[in-house]
Amino acid sequence: MSLSLLIEEGPIETRAALLQDETLLEIHIERPGNVSRTGAFYLGRIAKILPDMNIAFVDIGGGESGFLQLADLTKKASGIAATVQEGERLLLQIRKDPKGDKGVQLGNRFELTGRYLVLRPEGHGLTFAKQLRNPEWQAHLSKLLSEAAQGVGLTVRTAAAHAADSQILAELTRLQSDWKTVRTASHGMKKPGPVGPLPSPLSVLLQKNLLPGCQIIVNNVSALAGVRRFLTRHAADFDGIVSLWQDQAPLFEAMGVEAEIEKAQQTRISLPSGANIVIEPTEALTVIDVNSAAQTMASGTHSAALAVNLEAAEEICRQIRLRNISGILIIDFIQMSGKGDVAKLTASLQSRLDADPVASRVIGMTELGLMQITRQRERPPLRDLLYVPCPACDGNGLRKSDSARLAELFRALEREARYTRCAELKVRAGTGLALLLQKQQTRFETELARPLVIETNGTMAAFDYQLG
């Protein structure tokens, strides 16, 4: 089994694709100004307390506010009003990025995440990732970390299984040093704001996706330098290969990732047997329907139904991870009548979901024969990164977000520049996209090393474009 991390850095967004052999497992997208800040430390000031809801609103500087729940505090009295006071300043960490009208969710159950360990500086005890079940290895790690980790809490991550003792101890030392730096910096702050520099899109992607022994391929020299800086600071023992993509074809296109991203935006997915699955996200949950192929079910045997369901379960689990679907999922599998079929299907689902680093659980079948699954929300779903509600259809439809459309256009221009020798690049665009493009024109011209001629076309749809 080989793991590859493909990184494509651009002026609008930086994307990372995690592949196992040639199968796309995950796609991550980070944009300047909209980088995930989960785990970032802030000095906050309690601005307002809502005792009835056990919530406090917190000023974190720059005109931004977040909210603090009683459950996210390490020390809590009978209610939020007895735990914190308006005007109080305290060190906090972002637990969840903003979603919709909600600001960032804050807490002081601090965690510092490395490749092998998660340090809880004000916690206690040693826990292991769910994949690390070997009791002898757990006993060895407990002994190794017992002295160095006195007075703190630790979680051993899955990647630690492939690390040397010296690597794990070195990371623990670095995490403890990072925590000391955070504490010292926060004590010197006089007003709310971030403690230290906020992460770049590239560093966030590497922090989330760097795995031992994986091959890292980047699309330009800037990303190559950024990866090397990150490894020097955070993963000096990284044993994988880092290389620069040299082919003329764009990295994601040549490796088949672009096509997989397009498929992940579709509602219906065809399966090799001729069956298909339909994925429908709603406000409250995600509904997945499994439709049988007529030729597959023609025999009328219960084994055919189980075979299709097992095939569908494999693709459903892959799509859940790829699309980053979270919350409640309801799956309408094909009805089965064979003894033990439901148990086999449930076991298959759980086994495949266990390979997903995001926590999930198979609840089981309802009385109506619907499979229930829950998956923890750690980052926005792929759909939310690419689309926004369409104002022209009363909020019932979607269109590509401004950032996604600009990034798509930049990649098209980059492809044009690679394959042609024209002195300048020309774009005809609808009024909405042309306005966005004009704001990025200088940056695009620098990246593409060509003059960019923009023609606004009022007859085109607002966010459509044509090259040449």
Protein backbone atom coordinates (compact mmCIF):
# COMPACT_ATOMS: atom_id res chain seq x y z
CA MET A 1 0.00 0.00 0.00
CA SER A 2 1.41 3.39 -1.00
CA LEU A 3 0.20 6.79 0.19
CA SER A 4 0.57 9.98 -1.83
CA LEU A 5 -0.17 13.55 -0.79
CA LEU A 6 -0.61 15.83 -3.80
CA ILE A 7 -0.46 19.56 -3.09
CA GLU A 8 -1.56 22.17 -5.60
CA GLU A 9 -0.88 25.75 -4.52
CA GLY A 10 -2.60 28.62 -6.32
CA PRO A 11 -3.38 32.32 -5.80
CA ILE A 12 -7.00 31.66 -4.78
CA GLU A 13 -6.77 28.35 -2.96
CA THR A 14 -4.41 25.56 -1.97
CA ARG A 15 -5.67 22.01 -2.42
CA ALA A 16 -4.39 18.71 -1.08
CA ALA A 17 -5.41 15.25 -2.25
CA LEU A 18 -4.66 12.12 -0.23
CA LEU A 19 -4.41 8.95 -2.33
CA GLN A 20 -3.98 5.34 -1.31
CA ASP A 21 -2.40 3.60 -4.26
CA GLU A 22 -4.43 5.29 -7.02
CA THR A 23 -7.67 5.78 -5.07
CA LEU A 24 -8.59 9.27 -3.88
CA LEU A 25 -9.42 9.18 -0.16
CA GLU A 26 -9.70 12.84 0.81
CA ILE A 27 -9.66 16.29 -0.73
CA HIS A 28 -8.83 19.36 1.36
CA ILE A 29 -9.21 22.99 0.26
CA GLU A 30 -7.83 25.98 2.15
CA ARG A 31 -8.09 29.62 1.06
CA PRO A 32 -6.23 32.70 2.34
CA GLY A 33 -8.46 34.56 4.78
CA ASN A 34 -10.62 31.48 5.21
CA VAL A 35 -8.11 29.00 6.57
CA SER A 36 -9.36 26.59 9.20
CA ARG A 37 -8.36 27.95 12.59
CA THR A 38 -9.36 24.92 14.60
CA GLY A 39 -6.73 24.55 17.31
CA ALA A 40 -5.54 28.19 17.12
CA PHE A 41 -5.08 30.02 20.43
CA TYR A 42 -6.66 33.39 21.20
CA LEU A 43 -6.73 35.77 24.11
CA GLY A 44 -10.43 36.48 24.55
CA ARG A 45 -12.53 38.90 26.59
CA ILE A 46 -15.96 37.85 27.88
CA ALA A 47 -18.30 40.33 26.20
CA LYS A 48 -21.75 39.05 27.19
CA ILE A 49 -23.18 36.18 29.22
CA LEU A 50 -26.50 34.45 28.54
CA PRO A 51 -27.17 32.54 31.79
CA ASP A 52 -30.34 30.82 30.56
CA MET A 53 -28.42 29.24 27.66
CA ASN A 54 -25.15 28.69 29.56
CA ILE A 55 -23.32 30.53 26.78
CA ALA A 56 -20.93 33.47 26.79
CA PHE A 57 -20.00 35.60 23.79
CA VAL A 58 -16.31 36.37 23.56
CA ASP A 59 -14.45 39.21 21.85
CA ILE A 60 -11.37 37.68 20.19
CA GLY A 61 -10.12 40.86 18.52
CA GLY A 62 -10.36 42.30 15.04
CA GLY A 63 -14.08 42.90 15.42
CA GLU A 64 -14.72 39.16 15.63
CA SER A 65 -16.60 37.32 18.34
CA GLY A 66 -17.00 33.67 19.24
CA PHE A 67 -19.09 31.76 21.73
CA LEU A 68 -18.17 29.73 24.77
CA GLN A 69 -20.31 26.93 26.19
CA LEU A 70 -20.16 25.75 29.77
CA ALA A 71 -19.31 22.23 28.57
CA ASP A 72 -16.15 23.51 26.85
CA LEU A 73 -14.62 24.86 30.06
CA THR A 74 -12.35 22.77 32.28
CA LYS A 75 -13.51 24.43 35.48
CA LYS A 76 -17.23 25.05 35.72
CA ALA A 77 -19.58 25.90 38.54
CA SER A 78 -23.36 25.54 38.50
CA GLY A 79 -23.66 27.72 35.40
CA ILE A 80 -21.75 29.90 32.95
CA ALA A 81 -22.43 33.06 34.97
CA ALA A 82 -20.75 31.52 38.02
CA THR A 83 -17.77 30.36 35.96
CA VAL A 84 -16.76 33.45 33.96
CA GLN A 85 -17.46 37.15 34.34
CA GLU A 86 -18.10 39.87 31.78
CA GLY A 87 -14.87 41.71 31.03
CA GLU A 88 -12.71 38.77 32.12
CA ARG A 89 -9.77 37.91 29.87
CA LEU A 90 -8.72 34.33 29.38
CA LEU A 91 -6.73 32.13 27.04
CA LEU A 92 -8.98 30.12 24.72
CA GLN A 93 -8.63 27.74 21.79
CA ILE A 94 -10.86 27.47 18.72
CA ARG A 95 -12.73 24.17 18.82
CA LYS A 96 -14.80 24.65 15.67
CA ASP A 97 -14.64 27.07 12.75
CA PRO A 98 -17.60 29.39 12.11
CA LYS A 99 -20.63 27.85 10.42
CA GLY A 100 -23.43 29.90 8.93
CA ASP A 101 -24.36 32.69 11.33
CA LYS A 102 -22.45 31.09 14.20
CA GLY A 103 -19.05 32.42 15.13
CA VAL A 104 -16.11 30.29 16.18
CA GLN A 105 -16.71 27.86 19.05
CA LEU A 106 -14.18 28.35 21.83
CA GLY A 107 -13.02 26.41 24.85
CA ASN A 108 -10.14 25.98 27.28
CA ARG A 109 -9.79 22.22 27.08
CA PHE A 110 -6.49 22.83 25.35
CA GLU A 111 -5.00 20.39 22.83
CA LEU A 112 -1.77 20.59 20.83
CA THR A 113 -1.73 18.12 17.95
CA GLY A 114 1.36 16.52 16.48
CA ARG A 115 1.91 13.64 14.07
CA TYR A 116 2.12 11.02 16.82
CA LEU A 117 0.61 12.64 19.92
CA VAL A 118 -2.08 15.01 21.08
CA LEU A 119 -0.95 16.91 24.18
CA ARG A 120 -3.59 18.05 26.67
CA PRO A 121 -1.50 20.32 28.89
CA GLU A 122 -4.17 20.69 31.56
CA GLY A 123 -5.53 17.15 31.23
CA HIS A 124 -4.42 13.85 32.64
CA GLY A 125 -4.11 10.22 31.61
CA LEU A 126 -3.02 8.37 28.49
CA THR A 127 -5.43 7.28 25.75
CA PHE A 128 -4.92 5.56 22.41
CA ALA A 129 -6.48 5.99 18.96
CA LYS A 130 -9.13 3.38 18.21
CA GLN A 131 -6.87 1.59 15.69
CA LEU A 132 -4.14 1.01 18.30
CA ARG A 133 -5.45 -2.09 20.06
CA ASN A 134 -2.28 -4.12 20.74
CA PRO A 135 -2.09 -4.41 24.56
CA GLU A 136 1.67 -5.10 24.58
CA TRP A 137 2.40 -2.04 22.48
CA GLN A 138 0.08 0.08 24.65
CA ALA A 139 1.94 -1.12 27.76
CA HIS A 140 5.27 -0.23 26.14
CA LEU A 141 4.09 3.29 25.24
CA SER A 142 2.62 3.80 28.69
CA LYS A 143 5.99 2.99 30.24
CA LEU A 144 7.86 5.14 27.70
CA LEU A 145 5.70 8.22 28.27
CA SER A 146 4.92 7.90 31.97
CA GLU A 147 7.85 9.96 33.24
CA ALA A 148 8.04 12.55 30.45
CA ALA A 149 4.30 13.17 30.48
CA GLN A 150 3.69 13.63 34.20
CA GLY A 151 1.01 16.21 34.93
CA VAL A 152 -0.45 16.30 31.41
CA GLY A 153 -2.84 14.28 29.28
CA LEU A 154 -1.81 12.51 26.09
CA THR A 155 -3.53 10.77 23.20
CA VAL A 156 -1.39 8.48 21.08
CA ARG A 157 -2.31 8.82 17.40
CA THR A 158 -2.38 6.02 14.82
CA ALA A 159 0.83 7.21 13.12
CA ALA A 160 2.78 6.47 16.32
CA ALA A 161 2.58 2.75 15.51
CA HIS A 162 5.17 3.32 12.77
CA ALA A 163 7.42 5.68 14.76
CA ALA A 164 10.54 5.02 16.80
CA ASP A 165 10.49 5.73 20.54
CA SER A 166 12.94 8.59 20.00
CA GLN A 167 10.61 10.22 17.45
CA ILE A 168 7.65 10.07 19.83
CA LEU A 169 9.65 11.50 22.73
CA ALA A 170 11.08 14.26 20.51
CA GLU A 171 7.58 15.27 19.47
CA LEU A 172 6.39 15.34 23.07
CA THR A 173 9.25 17.70 23.92
CA ARG A 174 8.32 19.97 21.00
CA LEU A 175 4.63 20.05 21.93
CA GLN A 176 5.49 20.93 25.52
CA SER A 177 7.77 23.70 24.23
CA ASP A 178 5.00 25.00 21.95
CA TRP A 179 2.61 25.12 24.91
CA LYS A 180 5.13 27.07 26.96
CA THR A 181 5.49 29.55 24.08
CA VAL A 182 1.71 30.01 23.89
CA ARG A 183 1.44 30.65 27.63
CA THR A 184 4.30 33.14 27.62
CA ALA A 185 2.95 35.01 24.59
CA SER A 186 -0.58 35.25 26.01
CA HIS A 187 0.69 36.70 29.29
CA GLY A 188 2.29 39.55 27.36
CA MET A 189 -0.86 40.50 25.43
CA LYS A 190 -2.86 43.56 26.41
CA LYS A 191 -5.90 43.14 24.17
CA PRO A 192 -7.86 40.28 22.57
CA GLY A 193 -6.41 38.64 19.48
CA PRO A 194 -4.59 35.59 18.13
CA VAL A 195 -1.68 34.25 20.15
CA GLY A 196 1.12 34.04 17.61
CA PRO A 197 0.81 33.91 13.81
CA LEU A 198 -2.20 32.21 12.27
CA PRO A 199 -1.52 29.13 10.11
CA SER A 200 -1.08 29.38 6.34
CA PRO A 201 -3.19 27.26 3.96
CA LEU A 202 -0.18 25.06 3.23
CA SER A 203 0.73 24.47 6.88
CA VAL A 204 -2.88 23.58 7.75
CA LEU A 205 -3.00 21.01 4.95
CA LEU A 206 0.29 19.45 6.01
CA GLN A 207 -0.72 19.35 9.67
CA LYS A 208 -3.90 17.46 8.74
CA ASN A 209 -2.53 15.10 6.12
CA LEU A 210 1.14 14.33 6.71
CA LEU A 211 1.55 10.58 7.19
CA PRO A 212 4.71 8.52 7.74
CA GLY A 213 6.25 7.23 4.53
CA CYS A 214 3.90 9.06 2.19
CA GLN A 215 5.11 10.60 -1.03
CA ILE A 216 4.51 14.35 -1.27
CA ILE A 217 4.23 15.87 -4.74
CA VAL A 218 3.81 19.65 -5.13
CA ASN A 219 2.95 21.71 -8.20
CA ASN A 220 5.41 24.62 -7.85
CA VAL A 221 8.67 25.71 -6.23
CA SER A 222 6.88 27.95 -3.72
CA ALA A 223 4.94 24.99 -2.34
CA LEU A 224 8.12 22.89 -2.35
CA ALA A 225 9.91 25.47 -0.21
CA GLY A 226 6.90 25.72 2.11
CA VAL A 227 6.76 21.95 2.60
CA ARG A 228 10.46 21.81 3.42
CA ARG A 229 10.12 24.62 5.97
CA PHE A 230 7.21 22.84 7.62
CA LEU A 231 9.08 19.53 7.79
CA THR A 232 12.15 21.20 9.29
CA ARG A 233 10.04 22.77 12.05
CA HIS A 234 7.42 20.09 12.72
CA ALA A 235 8.57 16.77 11.26
CA ALA A 236 12.34 16.63 10.93
CA ASP A 237 12.14 12.82 11.04
CA PHE A 238 9.76 12.57 8.06
CA ASP A 239 10.85 9.57 6.00
CA GLY A 240 8.83 10.11 2.83
CA ILE A 241 9.83 11.60 -0.51
CA VAL A 242 9.13 15.23 -1.41
CA SER A 243 9.20 16.06 -5.10
CA LEU A 244 8.24 18.77 -7.59
CA TRP A 245 5.79 17.89 -10.36
CA GLN A 246 7.62 18.36 -13.66
CA ASP A 247 5.11 17.22 -16.31
CA GLN A 248 3.34 19.67 -18.58
CA ALA A 249 -0.13 18.46 -17.61
CA PRO A 250 -1.44 19.94 -14.32
CA LEU A 251 -0.81 17.71 -11.29
CA PHE A 252 -4.42 17.06 -10.26
CA GLU A 253 -5.52 16.52 -13.84
CA ALA A 254 -2.75 14.06 -14.68
CA MET A 255 -3.31 12.04 -11.49
CA GLY A 256 -7.07 11.77 -12.06
CA VAL A 257 -7.95 13.86 -9.01
CA GLU A 258 -9.76 16.58 -10.95
CA ALA A 259 -12.13 14.01 -12.46
CA GLU A 260 -12.80 12.46 -9.03
CA ILE A 261 -13.62 15.89 -7.57
CA GLU A 262 -16.15 16.41 -10.36
CA LYS A 263 -17.74 13.02 -9.60
CA ALA A 264 -17.91 13.91 -5.90
CA GLN A 265 -20.16 16.84 -6.79
CA GLN A 266 -22.71 14.60 -8.49
CA THR A 267 -25.82 13.26 -6.79
CA ARG A 268 -25.87 9.88 -8.55
CA ILE A 269 -22.91 7.48 -8.59
CA SER A 270 -22.84 4.38 -10.79
CA LEU A 271 -21.41 1.11 -9.47
CA PRO A 272 -19.61 -1.59 -11.51
CA SER A 273 -22.55 -3.99 -11.16
CA GLY A 274 -24.90 -1.52 -12.83
CA ALA A 275 -26.48 -0.46 -9.54
CA ASN A 276 -26.17 3.12 -8.31
CA ILE A 277 -26.32 5.20 -5.17
CA VAL A 278 -27.95 8.62 -4.79
CA ILE A 279 -26.63 11.03 -2.15
CA GLU A 280 -28.95 13.85 -1.07
CA PRO A 281 -27.75 16.27 1.64
CA THR A 282 -30.47 18.13 3.56
CA GLU A 283 -30.36 20.68 6.37
CA ALA A 284 -30.87 18.05 9.08
CA LEU A 285 -29.23 14.91 7.67
CA THR A 286 -27.90 13.18 4.56
CA VAL A 287 -30.06 10.59 2.80
CA ILE A 288 -28.42 7.89 0.66
CA ASP A 289 -30.48 5.60 -1.55
CA VAL A 290 -29.19 2.35 -3.07
CA ASN A 291 -30.84 1.42 -6.37
CA SER A 292 -30.40 -2.08 -7.77
CA ALA A 293 -29.50 -2.92 -11.33
CA ALA A 294 -32.34 -4.75 -13.09
CA GLN A 295 -30.00 -7.39 -14.50
CA THR A 296 -28.34 -7.95 -11.12
CA MET A 297 -31.63 -8.55 -9.32
CA ALA A 298 -33.28 -10.55 -12.10
CA SER A 299 -32.44 -13.82 -10.37
CA GLY A 300 -34.54 -12.76 -7.41
CA THR A 301 -32.15 -14.39 -4.92
CA HIS A 302 -31.41 -12.80 -1.57
CA SER A 303 -27.67 -13.25 -2.22
CA ALA A 304 -27.90 -10.79 -5.12
CA ALA A 305 -29.38 -8.14 -2.81
CA LEU A 306 -26.60 -8.65 -0.27
CA ALA A 307 -23.93 -8.50 -2.99
CA VAL A 308 -25.24 -5.18 -4.31
CA ASN A 309 -25.54 -3.76 -0.79
CA LEU A 310 -21.96 -4.75 0.08
CA GLU A 311 -20.72 -3.17 -3.15
CA ALA A 312 -22.71 -0.03 -2.37
CA ALA A 313 -21.44 0.06 1.23
CA GLU A 314 -17.84 0.19 0.03
CA GLU A 315 -18.50 3.14 -2.28
CA ILE A 316 -20.72 4.90 0.28
CA CYS A 317 -17.95 4.81 2.88
CA ARG A 318 -15.47 6.19 0.33
CA GLN A 319 -17.84 8.99 -0.66
CA ILE A 320 -18.60 9.88 2.96
CA ARG A 321 -14.89 10.44 3.56
CA LEU A 322 -14.22 12.11 0.19
CA ARG A 323 -17.18 14.48 0.44
CA ASN A 324 -16.59 14.87 4.18
CA ILE A 325 -20.24 14.24 5.03
CA SER A 326 -20.93 14.50 8.75
CA GLY A 327 -23.81 14.44 11.19
CA ILE A 328 -26.67 11.97 10.73
CA LEU A 329 -26.73 9.71 7.67
CA ILE A 330 -29.68 7.52 6.67
CA ILE A 331 -29.06 4.80 4.06
CA ASP A 332 -31.90 3.02 2.28
CA PHE A 333 -30.28 -0.25 1.21
CA ILE A 334 -32.00 -2.87 -0.96
CA GLN A 335 -34.25 -5.07 1.16
CA MET A 336 -32.58 -8.35 2.16
CA SER A 337 -34.19 -11.55 3.39
CA GLY A 338 -31.22 -13.85 3.98
CA LYS A 339 -30.39 -14.93 7.51
CA GLY A 340 -27.56 -12.83 8.90
CA ASP A 341 -27.51 -10.45 5.92
CA VAL A 342 -28.09 -7.33 8.02
CA ALA A 343 -25.30 -8.35 10.41
CA LYS A 344 -22.90 -8.89 7.49
CA LEU A 345 -23.77 -5.51 5.99
CA THR A 346 -23.45 -3.73 9.35
CA ALA A 347 -20.05 -5.34 9.98
CA SER A 348 -18.85 -4.33 6.52
CA LEU A 349 -19.91 -0.72 7.06
CA GLN A 350 -18.28 -0.49 10.48
CA SER A 351 -15.05 -2.09 9.24
CA ARG A 352 -14.71 0.42 6.40
CA LEU A 353 -15.66 3.38 8.58
CA ASP A 354 -13.03 2.33 11.13
CA ALA A 355 -10.39 3.13 8.49
CA ASP A 356 -11.66 6.72 8.41
CA PRO A 357 -9.71 8.95 10.85
CA VAL A 358 -12.90 10.90 11.62
CA ALA A 359 -14.95 9.20 14.33
CA SER A 360 -18.15 7.56 13.10
CA ARG A 361 -20.60 4.97 14.36
CA VAL A 362 -23.06 2.55 12.76
CA ILE A 363 -26.23 2.76 14.86
CA GLY A 364 -28.02 -0.03 12.99
CA MET A 365 -31.29 -0.63 11.15
CA THR A 366 -34.55 1.08 12.04
CA GLU A 367 -37.88 -0.75 12.03
CA LEU A 368 -38.40 0.61 8.53
CA GLY A 369 -35.19 -0.97 7.28
CA LEU A 370 -33.10 2.21 7.14
CA MET A 371 -29.45 2.09 8.20
CA GLN A 372 -28.37 4.83 10.60
CA ILE A 373 -24.84 6.24 10.81
CA THR A 374 -23.36 9.21 12.63
CA ARG A 375 -20.05 10.90 11.76
CA GLN A 376 -18.30 13.64 13.71
CA ARG A 377 -18.01 17.07 12.10
CA GLU A 378 -14.41 18.27 11.97
CA ARG A 379 -14.40 20.50 8.88
CA PRO A 380 -16.92 21.76 6.31
CA PRO A 381 -18.22 19.30 3.71
CA LEU A 382 -16.80 19.52 0.21
CA ARG A 383 -20.11 20.87 -1.08
CA ASP A 384 -19.95 23.87 1.26
CA LEU A 385 -16.40 24.64 0.10
CA LEU A 386 -17.42 24.73 -3.55
CA TYR A 387 -21.01 26.02 -3.60
CA VAL A 388 -23.22 28.76 -2.19
CA PRO A 389 -27.03 29.16 -2.36
CA CYS A 390 -28.19 30.55 -5.68
CA PRO A 391 -30.09 33.86 -5.22
CA ALA A 392 -31.90 33.37 -8.53
CA CYS A 393 -33.81 30.28 -7.39
CA ASP A 394 -35.14 31.31 -3.96
CA GLY A 395 -32.37 29.49 -2.14
CA ASN A 396 -33.43 26.10 -3.51
CA GLY A 397 -30.40 25.70 -5.76
CA LEU A 398 -26.64 26.11 -5.62
CA ARG A 399 -23.96 27.83 -7.66
CA LYS A 400 -20.18 27.71 -7.46
CA SER A 401 -18.86 30.09 -4.80
CA ASP A 402 -16.86 33.12 -5.94
CA SER A 403 -13.61 31.60 -4.68
CA ALA A 404 -14.30 28.22 -6.29
CA ARG A 405 -15.17 29.83 -9.63
CA LEU A 406 -12.08 32.06 -9.58
CA ALA A 407 -9.86 29.11 -8.69
CA GLU A 408 -11.42 27.07 -11.50
CA LEU A 409 -10.79 29.92 -13.96
CA PHE A 410 -7.18 30.28 -12.82
CA ARG A 411 -6.57 26.58 -13.43
CA ALA A 412 -8.10 26.90 -16.91
CA LEU A 413 -5.83 29.88 -17.67
CA GLU A 414 -2.84 28.01 -16.29
CA ARG A 415 -3.65 25.07 -18.57
CA GLU A 416 -3.96 27.46 -21.53
CA ALA A 417 -0.59 29.01 -20.71
CA ARG A 418 1.04 25.57 -20.51
CA TYR A 419 -0.19 24.37 -23.88
CA THR A 420 -0.05 27.56 -25.97
CA ARG A 421 2.63 30.14 -26.74
CA CYS A 422 0.31 33.12 -27.07
CA ALA A 423 1.71 36.47 -25.94
CA GLU A 424 -1.38 37.20 -23.85
CA LEU A 425 -4.33 35.35 -22.34
CA LYS A 426 -7.89 36.43 -23.10
CA VAL A 427 -11.05 35.85 -21.08
CA ARG A 428 -14.64 36.72 -21.90
CA ALA A 429 -16.66 36.65 -18.70
CA GLY A 430 -20.09 37.48 -17.40
CA THR A 431 -20.46 40.64 -15.35
CA GLY A 432 -20.14 38.97 -11.94
CA LEU A 433 -17.05 36.94 -12.73
CA ALA A 434 -15.41 39.77 -14.69
CA LEU A 435 -15.65 42.04 -11.65
CA LEU A 436 -14.04 39.40 -9.43
CA LEU A 437 -11.35 38.71 -12.01
CA GLN A 438 -10.43 42.39 -12.38
CA LYS A 439 -9.64 42.51 -8.65
CA GLN A 440 -7.26 39.56 -9.09
CA GLN A 441 -5.83 40.60 -12.47
CA THR A 442 -2.39 41.70 -11.27
CA ARG A 443 -1.97 38.60 -9.15
CA PHE A 444 -3.07 36.30 -11.97
CA GLU A 445 -0.70 37.99 -14.44
CA THR A 446 2.20 37.52 -12.02
CA GLU A 447 1.43 33.84 -11.49
CA LEU A 448 0.85 33.15 -15.19
CA ALA A 449 3.69 35.36 -16.46
CA ARG A 450 1.40 36.64 -19.22
CA PRO A 451 -0.75 39.76 -19.69
CA LEU A 452 -4.43 39.03 -19.10
CA VAL A 453 -7.09 40.68 -21.26
CA ILE A 454 -10.55 40.67 -19.66
CA GLU A 455 -13.67 41.29 -21.74
CA THR A 456 -16.94 41.79 -19.88
CA ASN A 457 -19.82 40.18 -21.77
CA GLY A 458 -23.25 41.26 -20.60
CA THR A 459 -25.03 38.57 -22.61
CA MET A 460 -23.32 35.70 -20.76
CA ALA A 461 -24.52 34.31 -17.44
CA ALA A 462 -22.98 36.33 -14.61
CA PHE A 463 -20.35 33.74 -13.64
CA ASP A 464 -19.70 32.02 -16.99
CA TYR A 465 -16.51 32.47 -18.98
CA GLN A 466 -14.80 31.58 -22.25
CA LEU A 467 -11.09 31.58 -23.01
CA GLY A 468 -9.50 32.98 -26.15
